[in-house]
Amino acid sequence: MPLNSDHIRATHAGSLPRTPELIAANEAKEADGITPEFLDLLEASVVDVVQRQKDLGIDVPNDGEYGHTMSSSVDYGAWWNYSFARLGGLEPTNVDRGQRPGSGVPRPETSC
């Protein structure tokens, strides 16, 4: 990457919201598998999202993780599935986030 002396370079990390067309294609992919039409749409979607980032001034754009299947424009379940598949020792639970695991005692409220 060339030296930059006129501004702070901007990028981002993580998943970007999917278009309705890409969400529908992901749903169809579950039933039909990966088709040439799916690959064409995925490629066009990535080209579009990268161009939109460039248009907004992002210096180092990325694919927004469009290759990861999601069932809605923002899908935290996809992130969890991705994490559990790659990291050992994680286990989904039904623990209320307002409780300390195993204690049954609510977390103290904090004030700032």
PDB file of N, CA and C in Angstrom:
ATOM      1  N   MET A   1       0.845  -1.171   0.000  1.00  0.00           N
ATOM      2  CA  MET A   1       0.000   0.000   0.000  1.00  0.00           C
ATOM      3  C   MET A   1       0.893   1.237   0.000  1.00  0.00           C
ATOM      4  N   PRO A   2       0.606   2.199  -0.869  1.00  0.00           N
ATOM      5  CA  PRO A   2       1.452   3.388  -0.949  1.00  0.00           C
ATOM      6  C   PRO A   2       1.358   4.252   0.309  1.00  0.00           C
ATOM      7  N   LEU A   3       2.407   5.020   0.534  1.00  0.00           N
ATOM      8  CA  LEU A   3       2.453   5.944   1.666  1.00  0.00           C
ATOM      9  C   LEU A   3       1.308   6.949   1.552  1.00  0.00           C
ATOM     10  N   ASN A   4       0.703   7.239   2.666  1.00  0.00           N
ATOM     11  CA  ASN A   4      -0.428   8.161   2.697  1.00  0.00           C
ATOM     12  C   ASN A   4      -0.088   9.300   3.641  1.00  0.00           C
ATOM     13  N   SER A   5      -0.114  10.536   3.149  1.00  0.00           N
ATOM     14  CA  SER A   5       0.217  11.667   4.015  1.00  0.00           C
ATOM     15  C   SER A   5      -0.878  12.724   4.063  1.00  0.00           C
ATOM     16  N   ASP A   6      -2.009  12.485   3.365  1.00  0.00           N
ATOM     17  CA  ASP A   6      -3.027  13.535   3.324  1.00  0.00           C
ATOM     18  C   ASP A   6      -4.310  13.209   4.075  1.00  0.00           C
ATOM     19  N   HIS A   7      -4.479  11.981   4.547  1.00  0.00           N
ATOM     20  CA  HIS A   7      -5.665  11.647   5.326  1.00  0.00           C
ATOM     21  C   HIS A   7      -5.460  10.314   6.039  1.00  0.00           C
ATOM     22  N   ILE A   8      -6.314  10.052   6.988  1.00  0.00           N
ATOM     23  CA  ILE A   8      -6.267   8.778   7.693  1.00  0.00           C
ATOM     24  C   ILE A   8      -7.001   7.754   6.844  1.00  0.00           C
ATOM     25  N   ARG A   9      -6.353   6.643   6.565  1.00  0.00           N
ATOM     26  CA  ARG A   9      -6.985   5.589   5.768  1.00  0.00           C
ATOM     27  C   ARG A   9      -8.155   4.986   6.537  1.00  0.00           C
ATOM     28  N   ALA A  10      -9.218   4.692   5.811  1.00  0.00           N
ATOM     29  CA  ALA A  10     -10.419   4.122   6.428  1.00  0.00           C
ATOM     30  C   ALA A  10     -10.713   2.748   5.835  1.00  0.00           C
ATOM     31  N   THR A  11     -11.093   1.822   6.684  1.00  0.00           N
ATOM     32  CA  THR A  11     -11.554   0.510   6.272  1.00  0.00           C
ATOM     33  C   THR A  11     -12.589   0.047   7.287  1.00  0.00           C
ATOM     34  N   HIS A  12     -13.003  -1.167   7.180  1.00  0.00           N
ATOM     35  CA  HIS A  12     -13.908  -1.747   8.167  1.00  0.00           C
ATOM     36  C   HIS A  12     -13.670  -3.244   8.177  1.00  0.00           C
ATOM     37  N   ALA A  13     -14.147  -3.860   9.198  1.00  0.00           N
ATOM     38  CA  ALA A  13     -14.065  -5.313   9.288  1.00  0.00           C
ATOM     39  C   ALA A  13     -15.456  -5.828   9.598  1.00  0.00           C
ATOM     40  N   GLY A  14     -15.825  -6.902   8.964  1.00  0.00           N
ATOM     41  CA  GLY A  14     -17.078  -7.529   9.326  1.00  0.00           C
ATOM     42  C   GLY A  14     -18.069  -7.625   8.200  1.00  0.00           C
ATOM     43  N   SER A  15     -19.215  -8.090   8.568  1.00  0.00           N
ATOM     44  CA  SER A  15     -20.277  -8.424   7.641  1.00  0.00           C
ATOM     45  C   SER A  15     -21.139  -7.208   7.332  1.00  0.00           C
ATOM     46  N   LEU A  16     -21.445  -7.020   6.063  1.00  0.00           N
ATOM     47  CA  LEU A  16     -22.320  -5.931   5.642  1.00  0.00           C
ATOM     48  C   LEU A  16     -23.708  -6.495   5.320  1.00  0.00           C
ATOM     49  N   PRO A  17     -24.760  -5.675   5.466  1.00  0.00           N
ATOM     50  CA  PRO A  17     -26.108  -6.164   5.151  1.00  0.00           C
ATOM     51  C   PRO A  17     -26.217  -6.647   3.710  1.00  0.00           C
ATOM     52  N   ARG A  18     -26.969  -7.736   3.517  1.00  0.00           N
ATOM     53  CA  ARG A  18     -27.163  -8.317   2.194  1.00  0.00           C
ATOM     54  C   ARG A  18     -28.347  -7.661   1.500  1.00  0.00           C
ATOM     55  N   THR A  19     -28.318  -7.704   0.169  1.00  0.00           N
ATOM     56  CA  THR A  19     -29.446  -7.204  -0.622  1.00  0.00           C
ATOM     57  C   THR A  19     -30.565  -8.245  -0.599  1.00  0.00           C
ATOM     58  N   PRO A  20     -31.806  -7.821  -0.853  1.00  0.00           N
ATOM     59  CA  PRO A  20     -32.895  -8.806  -0.926  1.00  0.00           C
ATOM     60  C   PRO A  20     -32.628  -9.900  -1.964  1.00  0.00           C
ATOM     61  N   GLU A  21     -31.997  -9.533  -3.088  1.00  0.00           N
ATOM     62  CA  GLU A  21     -31.698 -10.516  -4.130  1.00  0.00           C
ATOM     63  C   GLU A  21     -30.703 -11.564  -3.642  1.00  0.00           C
ATOM     64  N   LEU A  22     -29.689 -11.127  -2.904  1.00  0.00           N
ATOM     65  CA  LEU A  22     -28.692 -12.070  -2.400  1.00  0.00           C
ATOM     66  C   LEU A  22     -29.290 -12.958  -1.306  1.00  0.00           C
ATOM     67  N   ILE A  23     -30.166 -12.406  -0.493  1.00  0.00           N
ATOM     68  CA  ILE A  23     -30.834 -13.219   0.532  1.00  0.00           C
ATOM     69  C   ILE A  23     -31.673 -14.304  -0.135  1.00  0.00           C
ATOM     70  N   ALA A  24     -32.433 -13.934  -1.166  1.00  0.00           N
ATOM     71  CA  ALA A  24     -33.251 -14.919  -1.886  1.00  0.00           C
ATOM     72  C   ALA A  24     -32.369 -15.975  -2.545  1.00  0.00           C
ATOM     73  N   ALA A  25     -31.245 -15.559  -3.111  1.00  0.00           N
ATOM     74  CA  ALA A  25     -30.329 -16.515  -3.745  1.00  0.00           C
ATOM     75  C   ALA A  25     -29.725 -17.458  -2.710  1.00  0.00           C
ATOM     76  N   ASN A  26     -29.431 -16.956  -1.516  1.00  0.00           N
ATOM     77  CA  ASN A  26     -28.917 -17.821  -0.451  1.00  0.00           C
ATOM     78  C   ASN A  26     -29.956 -18.863  -0.052  1.00  0.00           C
ATOM     79  N   GLU A  27     -31.220 -18.456   0.019  1.00  0.00           N
ATOM     80  CA  GLU A  27     -32.284 -19.409   0.340  1.00  0.00           C
ATOM     81  C   GLU A  27     -32.396 -20.475  -0.742  1.00  0.00           C
ATOM     82  N   ALA A  28     -32.333 -20.049  -2.004  1.00  0.00           N
ATOM     83  CA  ALA A  28     -32.411 -21.005  -3.115  1.00  0.00           C
ATOM     84  C   ALA A  28     -31.204 -21.931  -3.129  1.00  0.00           C
ATOM     85  N   LYS A  29     -30.056 -21.405  -2.722  1.00  0.00           N
ATOM     86  CA  LYS A  29     -28.832 -22.222  -2.697  1.00  0.00           C
ATOM     87  C   LYS A  29     -28.975 -23.396  -1.740  1.00  0.00           C
ATOM     88  N   GLU A  30     -29.706 -23.190  -0.651  1.00  0.00           N
ATOM     89  CA  GLU A  30     -29.916 -24.267   0.309  1.00  0.00           C
ATOM     90  C   GLU A  30     -30.644 -25.443  -0.350  1.00  0.00           C
ATOM     91  N   ALA A  31     -31.573 -25.140  -1.249  1.00  0.00           N
ATOM     92  CA  ALA A  31     -32.346 -26.193  -1.915  1.00  0.00           C
ATOM     93  C   ALA A  31     -31.667 -26.697  -3.189  1.00  0.00           C
ATOM     94  N   ASP A  32     -31.099 -25.781  -3.969  1.00  0.00           N
ATOM     95  CA  ASP A  32     -30.591 -26.125  -5.297  1.00  0.00           C
ATOM     96  C   ASP A  32     -29.082 -26.323  -5.362  1.00  0.00           C
ATOM     97  N   GLY A  33     -28.381 -25.964  -4.297  1.00  0.00           N
ATOM     98  CA  GLY A  33     -26.919 -26.004  -4.345  1.00  0.00           C
ATOM     99  C   GLY A  33     -26.379 -24.765  -5.038  1.00  0.00           C
ATOM    100  N   ILE A  34     -25.083 -24.754  -5.243  1.00  0.00           N
ATOM    101  CA  ILE A  34     -24.436 -23.605  -5.891  1.00  0.00           C
ATOM    102  C   ILE A  34     -24.591 -23.747  -7.393  1.00  0.00           C
ATOM    103  N   THR A  35     -25.272 -22.787  -7.987  1.00  0.00           N
ATOM    104  CA  THR A  35     -25.509 -22.792  -9.429  1.00  0.00           C
ATOM    105  C   THR A  35     -24.697 -21.685 -10.085  1.00  0.00           C
ATOM    106  N   PRO A  36     -24.528 -21.752 -11.406  1.00  0.00           N
ATOM    107  CA  PRO A  36     -23.834 -20.638 -12.088  1.00  0.00           C
ATOM    108  C   PRO A  36     -24.542 -19.301 -11.872  1.00  0.00           C
ATOM    109  N   GLU A  37     -25.882 -19.329 -11.809  1.00  0.00           N
ATOM    110  CA  GLU A  37     -26.630 -18.084 -11.577  1.00  0.00           C
ATOM    111  C   GLU A  37     -26.324 -17.515 -10.196  1.00  0.00           C
ATOM    112  N   PHE A  38     -26.204 -18.386  -9.195  1.00  0.00           N
ATOM    113  CA  PHE A  38     -25.857 -17.926  -7.857  1.00  0.00           C
ATOM    114  C   PHE A  38     -24.473 -17.281  -7.868  1.00  0.00           C
ATOM    115  N   LEU A  39     -23.510 -17.944  -8.504  1.00  0.00           N
ATOM    116  CA  LEU A  39     -22.149 -17.401  -8.541  1.00  0.00           C
ATOM    117  C   LEU A  39     -22.106 -16.060  -9.265  1.00  0.00           C
ATOM    118  N   ASP A  40     -22.883 -15.927 -10.355  1.00  0.00           N
ATOM    119  CA  ASP A  40     -22.934 -14.643 -11.075  1.00  0.00           C
ATOM    120  C   ASP A  40     -23.502 -13.533 -10.190  1.00  0.00           C
ATOM    121  N   LEU A  41     -24.595 -13.850  -9.464  1.00  0.00           N
ATOM    122  CA  LEU A  41     -25.200 -12.854  -8.579  1.00  0.00           C
ATOM    123  C   LEU A  41     -24.248 -12.498  -7.437  1.00  0.00           C
ATOM    124  N   LEU A  42     -23.587 -13.486  -6.864  1.00  0.00           N
ATOM    125  CA  LEU A  42     -22.639 -13.228  -5.777  1.00  0.00           C
ATOM    126  C   LEU A  42     -21.514 -12.322  -6.260  1.00  0.00           C
ATOM    127  N   GLU A  43     -20.968 -12.616  -7.429  1.00  0.00           N
ATOM    128  CA  GLU A  43     -19.885 -11.783  -7.968  1.00  0.00           C
ATOM    129  C   GLU A  43     -20.366 -10.352  -8.208  1.00  0.00           C
ATOM    130  N   ALA A  44     -21.535 -10.200  -8.827  1.00  0.00           N
ATOM    131  CA  ALA A  44     -22.067  -8.855  -9.082  1.00  0.00           C
ATOM    132  C   ALA A  44     -22.345  -8.125  -7.771  1.00  0.00           C
ATOM    133  N   SER A  45     -22.832  -8.842  -6.762  1.00  0.00           N
ATOM    134  CA  SER A  45     -23.118  -8.232  -5.461  1.00  0.00           C
ATOM    135  C   SER A  45     -21.845  -7.747  -4.782  1.00  0.00           C
ATOM    136  N   VAL A  46     -20.786  -8.541  -4.867  1.00  0.00           N
ATOM    137  CA  VAL A  46     -19.511  -8.142  -4.268  1.00  0.00           C
ATOM    138  C   VAL A  46     -18.946  -6.923  -4.995  1.00  0.00           C
ATOM    139  N   VAL A  47     -18.987  -6.940  -6.321  1.00  0.00           N
ATOM    140  CA  VAL A  47     -18.510  -5.788  -7.091  1.00  0.00           C
ATOM    141  C   VAL A  47     -19.277  -4.534  -6.676  1.00  0.00           C
ATOM    142  N   ASP A  48     -20.595  -4.659  -6.524  1.00  0.00           N
ATOM    143  CA  ASP A  48     -21.429  -3.519  -6.131  1.00  0.00           C
ATOM    144  C   ASP A  48     -21.090  -3.015  -4.730  1.00  0.00           C
ATOM    145  N   VAL A  49     -20.969  -3.930  -3.762  1.00  0.00           N
ATOM    146  CA  VAL A  49     -20.716  -3.486  -2.386  1.00  0.00           C
ATOM    147  C   VAL A  49     -19.317  -2.873  -2.263  1.00  0.00           C
ATOM    148  N   VAL A  50     -18.354  -3.381  -3.005  1.00  0.00           N
ATOM    149  CA  VAL A  50     -17.013  -2.780  -2.987  1.00  0.00           C
ATOM    150  C   VAL A  50     -17.062  -1.384  -3.601  1.00  0.00           C
ATOM    151  N   GLN A  51     -17.785  -1.228  -4.713  1.00  0.00           N
ATOM    152  CA  GLN A  51     -17.891   0.095  -5.347  1.00  0.00           C
ATOM    153  C   GLN A  51     -18.588   1.084  -4.431  1.00  0.00           C
ATOM    154  N   ARG A  52     -19.649   0.652  -3.745  1.00  0.00           N
ATOM    155  CA  ARG A  52     -20.343   1.554  -2.817  1.00  0.00           C
ATOM    156  C   ARG A  52     -19.404   2.005  -1.703  1.00  0.00           C
ATOM    157  N   GLN A  53     -18.544   1.105  -1.214  1.00  0.00           N
ATOM    158  CA  GLN A  53     -17.580   1.495  -0.183  1.00  0.00           C
ATOM    159  C   GLN A  53     -16.600   2.529  -0.734  1.00  0.00           C
ATOM    160  N   LYS A  54     -16.108   2.299  -1.949  1.00  0.00           N
ATOM    161  CA  LYS A  54     -15.194   3.263  -2.573  1.00  0.00           C
ATOM    162  C   LYS A  54     -15.868   4.616  -2.738  1.00  0.00           C
ATOM    163  N   ASP A  55     -17.136   4.594  -3.181  1.00  0.00           N
ATOM    164  CA  ASP A  55     -17.879   5.849  -3.367  1.00  0.00           C
ATOM    165  C   ASP A  55     -18.037   6.615  -2.059  1.00  0.00           C
ATOM    166  N   LEU A  56     -18.078   5.889  -0.936  1.00  0.00           N
ATOM    167  CA  LEU A  56     -18.210   6.524   0.377  1.00  0.00           C
ATOM    168  C   LEU A  56     -16.873   6.955   0.971  1.00  0.00           C
ATOM    169  N   GLY A  57     -15.774   6.644   0.273  1.00  0.00           N
ATOM    170  CA  GLY A  57     -14.461   7.071   0.740  1.00  0.00           C
ATOM    171  C   GLY A  57     -13.687   6.026   1.523  1.00  0.00           C
ATOM    172  N   ILE A  58     -14.137   4.787   1.532  1.00  0.00           N
ATOM    173  CA  ILE A  58     -13.384   3.716   2.198  1.00  0.00           C
ATOM    174  C   ILE A  58     -12.146   3.435   1.353  1.00  0.00           C
ATOM    175  N   ASP A  59     -10.966   3.535   1.959  1.00  0.00           N
ATOM    176  CA  ASP A  59      -9.712   3.332   1.226  1.00  0.00           C
ATOM    177  C   ASP A  59      -9.418   1.861   0.963  1.00  0.00           C
ATOM    178  N   VAL A  60      -9.789   1.010   1.906  1.00  0.00           N
ATOM    179  CA  VAL A  60      -9.505  -0.418   1.782  1.00  0.00           C
ATOM    180  C   VAL A  60     -10.841  -1.161   1.923  1.00  0.00           C
ATOM    181  N   PRO A  61     -11.601  -1.237   0.824  1.00  0.00           N
ATOM    182  CA  PRO A  61     -12.897  -1.911   0.886  1.00  0.00           C
ATOM    183  C   PRO A  61     -12.715  -3.426   0.946  1.00  0.00           C
ATOM    184  N   ASN A  62     -13.804  -4.134   1.276  1.00  0.00           N
ATOM    185  CA  ASN A  62     -13.746  -5.596   1.249  1.00  0.00           C
ATOM    186  C   ASN A  62     -15.094  -6.150   0.806  1.00  0.00           C
ATOM    187  N   ASP A  63     -15.200  -7.462   0.741  1.00  0.00           N
ATOM    188  CA  ASP A  63     -16.405  -8.104   0.211  1.00  0.00           C
ATOM    189  C   ASP A  63     -17.566  -8.133   1.189  1.00  0.00           C
ATOM    190  N   GLY A  64     -17.398  -7.601   2.386  1.00  0.00           N
ATOM    191  CA  GLY A  64     -18.477  -7.566   3.364  1.00  0.00           C
ATOM    192  C   GLY A  64     -18.954  -8.941   3.798  1.00  0.00           C
ATOM    193  N   GLU A  65     -18.113  -9.954   3.565  1.00  0.00           N
ATOM    194  CA  GLU A  65     -18.438 -11.348   3.895  1.00  0.00           C
ATOM    195  C   GLU A  65     -19.665 -11.834   3.136  1.00  0.00           C
ATOM    196  N   TYR A  66     -19.866 -11.325   1.931  1.00  0.00           N
ATOM    197  CA  TYR A  66     -21.028 -11.714   1.137  1.00  0.00           C
ATOM    198  C   TYR A  66     -21.019 -13.203   0.783  1.00  0.00           C
ATOM    199  N   GLY A  67     -19.868 -13.846   0.815  1.00  0.00           N
ATOM    200  CA  GLY A  67     -19.802 -15.274   0.529  1.00  0.00           C
ATOM    201  C   GLY A  67     -20.363 -16.137   1.636  1.00  0.00           C
ATOM    202  N   HIS A  68     -20.617 -15.568   2.805  1.00  0.00           N
ATOM    203  CA  HIS A  68     -21.203 -16.308   3.921  1.00  0.00           C
ATOM    204  C   HIS A  68     -22.721 -16.246   3.797  1.00  0.00           C
ATOM    205  N   THR A  69     -23.357 -17.391   3.820  1.00  0.00           N
ATOM    206  CA  THR A  69     -24.806 -17.454   3.684  1.00  0.00           C
ATOM    207  C   THR A  69     -25.495 -16.800   4.872  1.00  0.00           C
ATOM    208  N   MET A  70     -26.455 -15.922   4.566  1.00  0.00           N
ATOM    209  CA  MET A  70     -27.267 -15.291   5.610  1.00  0.00           C
ATOM    210  C   MET A  70     -28.717 -15.366   5.193  1.00  0.00           C
ATOM    211  N   SER A  71     -29.612 -15.450   6.180  1.00  0.00           N
ATOM    212  CA  SER A  71     -31.040 -15.581   5.895  1.00  0.00           C
ATOM    213  C   SER A  71     -31.787 -14.256   5.936  1.00  0.00           C
ATOM    214  N   SER A  72     -31.109 -13.187   6.308  1.00  0.00           N
ATOM    215  CA  SER A  72     -31.708 -11.851   6.301  1.00  0.00           C
ATOM    216  C   SER A  72     -30.596 -10.840   6.103  1.00  0.00           C
ATOM    217  N   SER A  73     -30.940  -9.572   5.931  1.00  0.00           N
ATOM    218  CA  SER A  73     -29.902  -8.574   5.645  1.00  0.00           C
ATOM    219  C   SER A  73     -28.884  -8.485   6.774  1.00  0.00           C
ATOM    220  N   VAL A  74     -29.338  -8.669   8.010  1.00  0.00           N
ATOM    221  CA  VAL A  74     -28.452  -8.736   9.173  1.00  0.00           C
ATOM    222  C   VAL A  74     -28.848  -9.995   9.927  1.00  0.00           C
ATOM    223  N   ASP A  75     -27.894 -10.921  10.103  1.00  0.00           N
ATOM    224  CA  ASP A  75     -28.212 -12.240  10.663  1.00  0.00           C
ATOM    225  C   ASP A  75     -27.121 -12.620  11.659  1.00  0.00           C
ATOM    226  N   TYR A  76     -27.363 -12.357  12.948  1.00  0.00           N
ATOM    227  CA  TYR A  76     -26.359 -12.682  13.949  1.00  0.00           C
ATOM    228  C   TYR A  76     -26.204 -14.187  14.120  1.00  0.00           C
ATOM    229  N   GLY A  77     -27.238 -14.945  13.771  1.00  0.00           N
ATOM    230  CA  GLY A  77     -27.143 -16.403  13.831  1.00  0.00           C
ATOM    231  C   GLY A  77     -26.048 -16.927  12.927  1.00  0.00           C
ATOM    232  N   ALA A  78     -25.859 -16.289  11.774  1.00  0.00           N
ATOM    233  CA  ALA A  78     -24.796 -16.707  10.861  1.00  0.00           C
ATOM    234  C   ALA A  78     -23.433 -16.518  11.524  1.00  0.00           C
ATOM    235  N   TRP A  79     -23.271 -15.426  12.247  1.00  0.00           N
ATOM    236  CA  TRP A  79     -22.005 -15.191  12.937  1.00  0.00           C
ATOM    237  C   TRP A  79     -21.772 -16.263  13.994  1.00  0.00           C
ATOM    238  N   TRP A  80     -22.816 -16.574  14.768  1.00  0.00           N
ATOM    239  CA  TRP A  80     -22.668 -17.599  15.800  1.00  0.00           C
ATOM    240  C   TRP A  80     -22.299 -18.937  15.180  1.00  0.00           C
ATOM    241  N   ASN A  81     -22.984 -19.328  14.095  1.00  0.00           N
ATOM    242  CA  ASN A  81     -22.665 -20.598  13.444  1.00  0.00           C
ATOM    243  C   ASN A  81     -21.227 -20.609  12.957  1.00  0.00           C
ATOM    244  N   TYR A  82     -20.791 -19.503  12.385  1.00  0.00           N
ATOM    245  CA  TYR A  82     -19.422 -19.364  11.904  1.00  0.00           C
ATOM    246  C   TYR A  82     -18.442 -19.529  13.071  1.00  0.00           C
ATOM    247  N   SER A  83     -18.722 -18.895  14.196  1.00  0.00           N
ATOM    248  CA  SER A  83     -17.841 -18.964  15.363  1.00  0.00           C
ATOM    249  C   SER A  83     -17.772 -20.375  15.930  1.00  0.00           C
ATOM    250  N   PHE A  84     -18.938 -21.006  16.112  1.00  0.00           N
ATOM    251  CA  PHE A  84     -18.955 -22.346  16.703  1.00  0.00           C
ATOM    252  C   PHE A  84     -18.249 -23.357  15.814  1.00  0.00           C
ATOM    253  N   ALA A  85     -18.290 -23.156  14.511  1.00  0.00           N
ATOM    254  CA  ALA A  85     -17.637 -24.088  13.593  1.00  0.00           C
ATOM    255  C   ALA A  85     -16.114 -23.952  13.624  1.00  0.00           C
ATOM    256  N   ARG A  86     -15.601 -22.819  14.087  1.00  0.00           N
ATOM    257  CA  ARG A  86     -14.162 -22.565  14.010  1.00  0.00           C
ATOM    258  C   ARG A  86     -13.450 -22.486  15.357  1.00  0.00           C
ATOM    259  N   LEU A  87     -14.182 -22.339  16.433  1.00  0.00           N
ATOM    260  CA  LEU A  87     -13.566 -22.174  17.745  1.00  0.00           C
ATOM    261  C   LEU A  87     -13.987 -23.316  18.657  1.00  0.00           C
ATOM    262  N   GLY A  88     -13.032 -23.922  19.319  1.00  0.00           N
ATOM    263  CA  GLY A  88     -13.356 -24.988  20.256  1.00  0.00           C
ATOM    264  C   GLY A  88     -13.750 -24.435  21.609  1.00  0.00           C
ATOM    265  N   GLY A  89     -14.538 -25.205  22.349  1.00  0.00           N
ATOM    266  CA  GLY A  89     -14.894 -24.828  23.701  1.00  0.00           C
ATOM    267  C   GLY A  89     -16.118 -23.956  23.821  1.00  0.00           C
ATOM    268  N   LEU A  90     -16.700 -23.513  22.701  1.00  0.00           N
ATOM    269  CA  LEU A  90     -17.915 -22.718  22.758  1.00  0.00           C
ATOM    270  C   LEU A  90     -19.116 -23.651  22.736  1.00  0.00           C
ATOM    271  N   GLU A  91     -20.107 -23.298  23.497  1.00  0.00           N
ATOM    272  CA  GLU A  91     -21.309 -24.119  23.553  1.00  0.00           C
ATOM    273  C   GLU A  91     -22.519 -23.215  23.742  1.00  0.00           C
ATOM    274  N   PRO A  92     -23.526 -23.333  22.860  1.00  0.00           N
ATOM    275  CA  PRO A  92     -24.712 -22.497  23.045  1.00  0.00           C
ATOM    276  C   PRO A  92     -25.445 -22.878  24.321  1.00  0.00           C
ATOM    277  N   THR A  93     -25.972 -21.882  24.995  1.00  0.00           N
ATOM    278  CA  THR A  93     -26.740 -22.123  26.223  1.00  0.00           C
ATOM    279  C   THR A  93     -28.006 -21.295  26.185  1.00  0.00           C
ATOM    280  N   ASN A  94     -28.865 -21.528  27.141  1.00  0.00           N
ATOM    281  CA  ASN A  94     -30.081 -20.732  27.281  1.00  0.00           C
ATOM    282  C   ASN A  94     -29.992 -19.818  28.501  1.00  0.00           C
ATOM    283  N   VAL A  95     -28.781 -19.473  28.896  1.00  0.00           N
ATOM    284  CA  VAL A  95     -28.581 -18.620  30.059  1.00  0.00           C
ATOM    285  C   VAL A  95     -29.064 -17.212  29.744  1.00  0.00           C
ATOM    286  N   ASP A  96     -29.872 -16.670  30.615  1.00  0.00           N
ATOM    287  CA  ASP A  96     -30.331 -15.295  30.487  1.00  0.00           C
ATOM    288  C   ASP A  96     -29.129 -14.375  30.639  1.00  0.00           C
ATOM    289  N   ARG A  97     -28.928 -13.461  29.714  1.00  0.00           N
ATOM    290  CA  ARG A  97     -27.766 -12.576  29.769  1.00  0.00           C
ATOM    291  C   ARG A  97     -27.792 -11.657  30.979  1.00  0.00           C
ATOM    292  N   GLY A  98     -28.930 -11.524  31.614  1.00  0.00           N
ATOM    293  CA  GLY A  98     -29.022 -10.698  32.809  1.00  0.00           C
ATOM    294  C   GLY A  98     -28.642 -11.460  34.063  1.00  0.00           C
ATOM    295  N   GLN A  99     -28.320 -12.720  33.947  1.00  0.00           N
ATOM    296  CA  GLN A  99     -27.950 -13.561  35.088  1.00  0.00           C
ATOM    297  C   GLN A  99     -26.482 -13.968  34.980  1.00  0.00           C
ATOM    298  N   ARG A 100     -25.861 -14.181  36.096  1.00  0.00           N
ATOM    299  CA  ARG A 100     -24.527 -14.764  36.096  1.00  0.00           C
ATOM    300  C   ARG A 100     -24.696 -16.263  35.912  1.00  0.00           C
ATOM    301  N   PRO A 101     -23.975 -16.857  34.955  1.00  0.00           N
ATOM    302  CA  PRO A 101     -24.127 -18.296  34.748  1.00  0.00           C
ATOM    303  C   PRO A 101     -23.909 -19.078  36.040  1.00  0.00           C
ATOM    304  N   GLY A 102     -24.877 -19.909  36.378  1.00  0.00           N
ATOM    305  CA  GLY A 102     -24.744 -20.794  37.527  1.00  0.00           C
ATOM    306  C   GLY A 102     -25.070 -20.175  38.865  1.00  0.00           C
ATOM    307  N   SER A 103     -25.157 -18.844  38.963  1.00  0.00           N
ATOM    308  CA  SER A 103     -25.348 -18.234  40.279  1.00  0.00           C
ATOM    309  C   SER A 103     -26.812 -17.985  40.609  1.00  0.00           C
ATOM    310  N   GLY A 104     -27.621 -17.759  39.573  1.00  0.00           N
ATOM    311  CA  GLY A 104     -29.011 -17.413  39.816  1.00  0.00           C
ATOM    312  C   GLY A 104     -29.179 -16.015  40.365  1.00  0.00           C
ATOM    313  N   VAL A 105     -28.088 -15.263  40.460  1.00  0.00           N
ATOM    314  CA  VAL A 105     -28.115 -13.915  41.017  1.00  0.00           C
ATOM    315  C   VAL A 105     -28.025 -12.910  39.866  1.00  0.00           C
ATOM    316  N   PRO A 106     -28.969 -11.967  39.769  1.00  0.00           N
ATOM    317  CA  PRO A 106     -28.885 -10.965  38.713  1.00  0.00           C
ATOM    318  C   PRO A 106     -27.598 -10.149  38.799  1.00  0.00           C
ATOM    319  N   ARG A 107     -27.128  -9.710  37.648  1.00  0.00           N
ATOM    320  CA  ARG A 107     -25.945  -8.852  37.636  1.00  0.00           C
ATOM    321  C   ARG A 107     -26.312  -7.517  38.253  1.00  0.00           C
ATOM    322  N   PRO A 108     -25.368  -6.903  38.966  1.00  0.00           N
ATOM    323  CA  PRO A 108     -25.676  -5.587  39.550  1.00  0.00           C
ATOM    324  C   PRO A 108     -25.801  -4.546  38.450  1.00  0.00           C
ATOM    325  N   GLU A 109     -26.717  -3.606  38.667  1.00  0.00           N
ATOM    326  CA  GLU A 109     -26.857  -2.512  37.717  1.00  0.00           C
ATOM    327  C   GLU A 109     -25.740  -1.523  37.946  1.00  0.00           C
ATOM    328  N   THR A 110     -25.264  -0.941  36.855  1.00  0.00           N
ATOM    329  CA  THR A 110     -24.203   0.064  36.979  1.00  0.00           C
ATOM    330  C   THR A 110     -24.740   1.389  36.510  1.00  0.00           C
ATOM    331  N   SER A 111     -24.198   2.441  37.033  1.00  0.00           N
ATOM    332  CA  SER A 111     -24.574   3.776  36.580  1.00  0.00           C
ATOM    333  C   SER A 111     -23.310   4.547  36.270  1.00  0.00           C
ATOM    334  N   CYS A 112     -23.434   5.427  35.307  1.00  0.00           N
ATOM    335  CA  CYS A 112     -22.275   6.239  34.912  1.00  0.00           C
ATOM    336  C   CYS A 112     -22.495   7.670  35.270  1.00  0.00           C
TER     337      CYS A 112
END
